[in-house]
C-alpha atoms as a PDB file:
ATOM      1  CA  UNK A   1     -19.410 -16.045-133.176  1.00  0.00           C
ATOM      2  CA  UNK A   2     -16.131 -13.833-134.973  1.00  0.00           C
ATOM      3  CA  UNK A   3     -14.106 -12.138-132.377  1.00  0.00           C
ATOM      4  CA  UNK A   4     -14.483  -8.743-130.778  1.00  0.00           C
ATOM      5  CA  UNK A   5     -13.675  -6.268-133.349  1.00  0.00           C
ATOM      6  CA  UNK A   6     -11.982  -4.086-130.449  1.00  0.00           C
ATOM      7  CA  UNK A   7     -10.126  -7.008-128.854  1.00  0.00           C
ATOM      8  CA  UNK A   8      -6.775  -5.282-129.444  1.00  0.00           C
ATOM      9  CA  UNK A   9      -7.481  -2.185-127.776  1.00  0.00           C
ATOM     10  CA  UNK A  10      -9.155  -4.022-124.861  1.00  0.00           C
ATOM     11  CA  UNK A  11      -5.910  -5.846-124.297  1.00  0.00           C
ATOM     12  CA  UNK A  12      -3.777  -2.742-124.651  1.00  0.00           C
ATOM     13  CA  UNK A  13      -5.976  -1.449-122.043  1.00  0.00           C
ATOM     14  CA  UNK A  14      -5.789  -4.694-119.809  1.00  0.00           C
ATOM     15  CA  UNK A  15      -1.823  -3.779-120.411  1.00  0.00           C
ATOM     16  CA  UNK A  16      -1.679   0.062-118.956  1.00  0.00           C
ATOM     17  CA  UNK A  17      -3.856  -1.341-116.229  1.00  0.00           C
ATOM     18  CA  UNK A  18      -1.467  -4.039-115.420  1.00  0.00           C
ATOM     19  CA  UNK A  19       1.608  -1.773-115.799  1.00  0.00           C
ATOM     20  CA  UNK A  20       0.270   0.945-113.460  1.00  0.00           C
ATOM     21  CA  UNK A  21      -0.569  -1.978-111.018  1.00  0.00           C
ATOM     22  CA  UNK A  22       2.914  -2.574-110.913  1.00  0.00           C
ATOM     23  CA  UNK A  23       4.429   0.638-111.096  1.00  0.00           C
ATOM     24  CA  UNK A  24       1.953   1.377-107.398  1.00  0.00           C
ATOM     25  CA  UNK A  25       3.490  -2.007-106.173  1.00  0.00           C
ATOM     26  CA  UNK A  26       6.677  -0.464-106.370  1.00  0.00           C
ATOM     27  CA  UNK A  27       5.634   2.662-105.373  1.00  0.00           C
ATOM     28  CA  UNK A  28       3.892   0.752-102.370  1.00  0.00           C
ATOM     29  CA  UNK A  29       6.937  -1.122-101.742  1.00  0.00           C
ATOM     30  CA  UNK A  30      10.051   2.174-102.100  1.00  0.00           C
ATOM     31  CA  UNK A  31       7.302   4.014 -99.114  1.00  0.00           C
ATOM     32  CA  UNK A  32       7.084   1.141 -96.964  1.00  0.00           C
ATOM     33  CA  UNK A  33      11.228   1.135 -97.170  1.00  0.00           C
ATOM     34  CA  UNK A  34      11.414   4.597 -96.287  1.00  0.00           C
ATOM     35  CA  UNK A  35       8.863   4.728 -93.753  1.00  0.00           C
ATOM     36  CA  UNK A  36      11.515   1.606 -92.099  1.00  0.00           C
ATOM     37  CA  UNK A  37      14.735   4.382 -92.494  1.00  0.00           C
ATOM     38  CA  UNK A  38      12.966   6.867 -90.930  1.00  0.00           C
ATOM     39  CA  UNK A  39      11.961   4.167 -87.541  1.00  0.00           C
ATOM     40  CA  UNK A  40      15.730   3.512 -88.085  1.00  0.00           C
ATOM     41  CA  UNK A  41      16.832   7.276 -87.832  1.00  0.00           C
ATOM     42  CA  UNK A  42      14.398   8.317 -85.567  1.00  0.00           C
ATOM     43  CA  UNK A  43      15.299   5.604 -83.410  1.00  0.00           C
ATOM     44  CA  UNK A  44      19.253   6.070 -83.631  1.00  0.00           C
ATOM     45  CA  UNK A  45      18.366   9.922 -82.793  1.00  0.00           C
ATOM     46  CA  UNK A  46      16.730   8.482 -79.487  1.00  0.00           C
ATOM     47  CA  UNK A  47      19.102   6.825 -78.918  1.00  0.00           C
ATOM     48  CA  UNK A  48      22.012   9.629 -79.076  1.00  0.00           C
ATOM     49  CA  UNK A  49      19.839  11.714 -77.394  1.00  0.00           C
ATOM     50  CA  UNK A  50      19.362   9.230 -74.118  1.00  0.00           C
ATOM     51  CA  UNK A  51      23.486   9.086 -74.343  1.00  0.00           C
ATOM     52  CA  UNK A  52      24.655  12.339 -74.762  1.00  0.00           C
ATOM     53  CA  UNK A  53      22.036  13.233 -71.586  1.00  0.00           C
ATOM     54  CA  UNK A  54      23.255  10.273 -69.938  1.00  0.00           C
ATOM     55  CA  UNK A  55      27.198  11.105 -70.522  1.00  0.00           C
ATOM     56  CA  UNK A  56      26.262  14.892 -69.485  1.00  0.00           C
ATOM     57  CA  UNK A  57      25.122  13.841 -66.319  1.00  0.00           C
ATOM     58  CA  UNK A  58      27.889  11.852 -65.352  1.00  0.00           C
ATOM     59  CA  UNK A  59      30.358  14.177 -66.544  1.00  0.00           C
ATOM     60  CA  UNK A  60      31.280  14.994 -70.383  1.00  0.00           C
ATOM     61  CA  UNK A  61      34.272  17.331 -71.406  1.00  0.00           C
ATOM     62  CA  UNK A  62      32.933  19.930 -73.720  1.00  0.00           C
ATOM     63  CA  UNK A  63      34.984  18.370 -77.102  1.00  0.00           C
ATOM     64  CA  UNK A  64      33.071  15.537 -76.335  1.00  0.00           C
ATOM     65  CA  UNK A  65      29.672  17.096 -75.979  1.00  0.00           C
ATOM     66  CA  UNK A  66      30.501  18.911 -78.983  1.00  0.00           C
ATOM     67  CA  UNK A  67      30.989  15.827 -80.797  1.00  0.00           C
ATOM     68  CA  UNK A  68      27.909  14.636 -79.582  1.00  0.00           C
ATOM     69  CA  UNK A  69      26.067  17.310 -80.439  1.00  0.00           C
ATOM     70  CA  UNK A  70      27.365  17.361 -83.983  1.00  0.00           C
ATOM     71  CA  UNK A  71      26.359  13.640 -84.142  1.00  0.00           C
ATOM     72  CA  UNK A  72      22.838  14.616 -83.115  1.00  0.00           C
ATOM     73  CA  UNK A  73      22.358  16.914 -85.426  1.00  0.00           C
ATOM     74  CA  UNK A  74      23.775  15.012 -88.196  1.00  0.00           C
ATOM     75  CA  UNK A  75      21.910  12.438 -87.352  1.00  0.00           C
ATOM     76  CA  UNK A  76      18.524  14.613 -87.681  1.00  0.00           C
ATOM     77  CA  UNK A  77      19.315  16.042 -90.726  1.00  0.00           C
ATOM     78  CA  UNK A  78      19.392  12.842 -92.169  1.00  0.00           C
ATOM     79  CA  UNK A  79      15.948  11.826 -90.730  1.00  0.00           C
ATOM     80  CA  UNK A  80      14.981  15.205 -92.199  1.00  0.00           C
ATOM     81  CA  UNK A  81      16.150  14.255 -95.448  1.00  0.00           C
ATOM     82  CA  UNK A  82      14.272  10.859 -95.288  1.00  0.00           C
ATOM     83  CA  UNK A  83      11.202  12.480 -94.617  1.00  0.00           C
ATOM     84  CA  UNK A  84      11.363  15.149 -97.610  1.00  0.00           C
ATOM     85  CA  UNK A  85      11.787  11.768 -99.230  1.00  0.00           C
ATOM     86  CA  UNK A  86       8.736   9.863 -97.581  1.00  0.00           C
ATOM     87  CA  UNK A  87       6.466  12.970 -98.625  1.00  0.00           C
ATOM     88  CA  UNK A  88       7.860  12.891-102.159  1.00  0.00           C
ATOM     89  CA  UNK A  89       6.707   9.150-101.685  1.00  0.00           C
ATOM     90  CA  UNK A  90       3.504   9.659-100.311  1.00  0.00           C
ATOM     91  CA  UNK A  91       2.470  11.578-103.329  1.00  0.00           C
ATOM     92  CA  UNK A  92       4.038   8.798-105.951  1.00  0.00           C
ATOM     93  CA  UNK A  93       1.596   6.475-104.297  1.00  0.00           C
ATOM     94  CA  UNK A  94      -0.992   8.846-105.104  1.00  0.00           C
ATOM     95  CA  UNK A  95      -0.486   9.733-108.588  1.00  0.00           C
ATOM     96  CA  UNK A  96      -0.086   5.424-108.975  1.00  0.00           C
ATOM     97  CA  UNK A  97      -3.346   5.437-107.340  1.00  0.00           C
ATOM     98  CA  UNK A  98      -4.783   8.024-109.665  1.00  0.00           C
ATOM     99  CA  UNK A  99      -3.065   5.906-112.651  1.00  0.00           C
ATOM    100  CA  UNK A 100      -4.677   2.739-111.860  1.00  0.00           C
ATOM    101  CA  UNK A 101      -8.005   4.092-110.772  1.00  0.00           C
ATOM    102  CA  UNK A 102      -7.927   5.454-114.639  1.00  0.00           C
ATOM    103  CA  UNK A 103      -6.551   2.451-116.325  1.00  0.00           C
ATOM    104  CA  UNK A 104      -9.231   0.248-114.549  1.00  0.00           C
ATOM    105  CA  UNK A 105     -12.376   2.724-115.651  1.00  0.00           C
ATOM    106  CA  UNK A 106     -10.177   2.501-118.937  1.00  0.00           C
ATOM    107  CA  UNK A 107     -10.392  -1.006-119.344  1.00  0.00           C
ATOM    108  CA  UNK A 108     -14.050  -1.826-117.729  1.00  0.00           C
ATOM    109  CA  UNK A 109     -15.251   0.575-120.071  1.00  0.00           C
ATOM    110  CA  UNK A 110     -14.066  -1.654-122.898  1.00  0.00           C
ATOM    111  CA  UNK A 111     -15.653  -5.012-121.162  1.00  0.00           C
ATOM    112  CA  UNK A 112     -18.588  -3.272-121.281  1.00  0.00           C
ATOM    113  CA  UNK A 113     -18.510  -2.497-125.047  1.00  0.00           C
ATOM    114  CA  UNK A 114     -17.379  -6.233-125.405  1.00  0.00           C
ATOM    115  CA  UNK A 115     -20.092  -7.480-123.615  1.00  0.00           C
ATOM    116  CA  UNK A 116     -22.625  -5.277-125.835  1.00  0.00           C
ATOM    117  CA  UNK A 117     -21.211  -6.688-128.415  1.00  0.00           C
ATOM    118  CA  UNK A 118     -21.126 -10.634-127.618  1.00  0.00           C
ATOM    119  CA  UNK A 119     -24.475 -10.239-127.030  1.00  0.00           C
ATOM    120  CA  UNK A 120     -25.515  -8.384-129.988  1.00  0.00           C
ATOM    121  CA  UNK A 121     -23.317 -11.544-131.590  1.00  0.00           C
ATOM    122  CA  UNK A 122     -25.592 -13.759-130.031  1.00  0.00           C
ATOM    123  CA  UNK A 123     -28.577 -12.257-130.605  1.00  0.00           C
ATOM    124  CA  UNK A 124     -27.890 -12.060-134.045  1.00  0.00           C
ATOM    125  CA  UNK A 125     -26.913 -15.526-134.575  1.00  0.00           C
ATOM    126  CA  UNK A 126     -30.166 -16.697-132.750  1.00  0.00           C
ATOM    127  CA  UNK A 127     -32.297 -14.976-135.516  1.00  0.00           C
ATOM    128  CA  UNK A 128     -30.191 -16.637-137.884  1.00  0.00           C
ATOM    129  CA  UNK A 129     -31.021 -19.899-136.671  1.00  0.00           C
ATOM    130  CA  UNK A 130     -34.556 -18.975-135.929  1.00  0.00           C
ATOM    131  CA  UNK A 131     -34.770 -17.935-139.335  1.00  0.00           C
ATOM    132  CA  UNK A 132     -32.802 -20.903-140.778  1.00  0.00           C
ATOM    133  CA  UNK A 133     -35.270 -23.077-139.017  1.00  0.00           C
ATOM    134  CA  UNK A 134     -38.828 -21.307-140.137  1.00  0.00           C
ATOM    135  CA  UNK A 135     -37.370 -21.932-143.626  1.00  0.00           C
ATOM    136  CA  UNK A 136     -36.845 -25.494-142.802  1.00  0.00           C
ATOM    137  CA  UNK A 137     -40.373 -25.632-141.181  1.00  0.00           C
ATOM    138  CA  UNK A 138     -41.711 -24.094-144.288  1.00  0.00           C
ATOM    139  CA  UNK A 139     -40.182 -26.101-146.674  1.00  0.00           C
ATOM    140  CA  UNK A 140     -40.785 -28.965-144.683  1.00  0.00           C
ATOM    141  CA  UNK A 141     -44.948 -27.944-145.254  1.00  0.00           C
ATOM    142  CA  UNK A 142     -44.463 -26.904-148.621  1.00  0.00           C
ATOM    143  CA  UNK A 143     -42.735 -30.728-149.837  1.00  0.00           C
ATOM    144  CA  UNK A 144     -45.839 -32.293-147.534  1.00  0.00           C
ATOM    145  CA  UNK A 145     -48.715 -30.380-149.537  1.00  0.00           C
END
């Protein structure tokens, strides 16, 4: 049987799908790292808030209170920045998922075309074999006559 005439296209689409899946995996890993950073910054912000509250109850100078407040504000800004990055990462993950879906659909359409082509080739081969057998059978009858 002959090779699928569009095998190069199928191989190319498979590579595109593989690349899209790799990009999705990287995006998911990046999003997970950002989620971990967000949780670490939230924990630090909570810890700072508790320490500041405890120090206020114990009595704290205005200067130290201002230093704690500055640190809390900075930590809140850092957390906000990570959350913005996380929103971007979520969008990137969704885009990658769409790319994987599109690449997968493109490859699947080529797979179906290949299956159809292989069935067509198998049918033609079977017809050829049947024709050859009929010819051999017809010769055999004419030889015996």
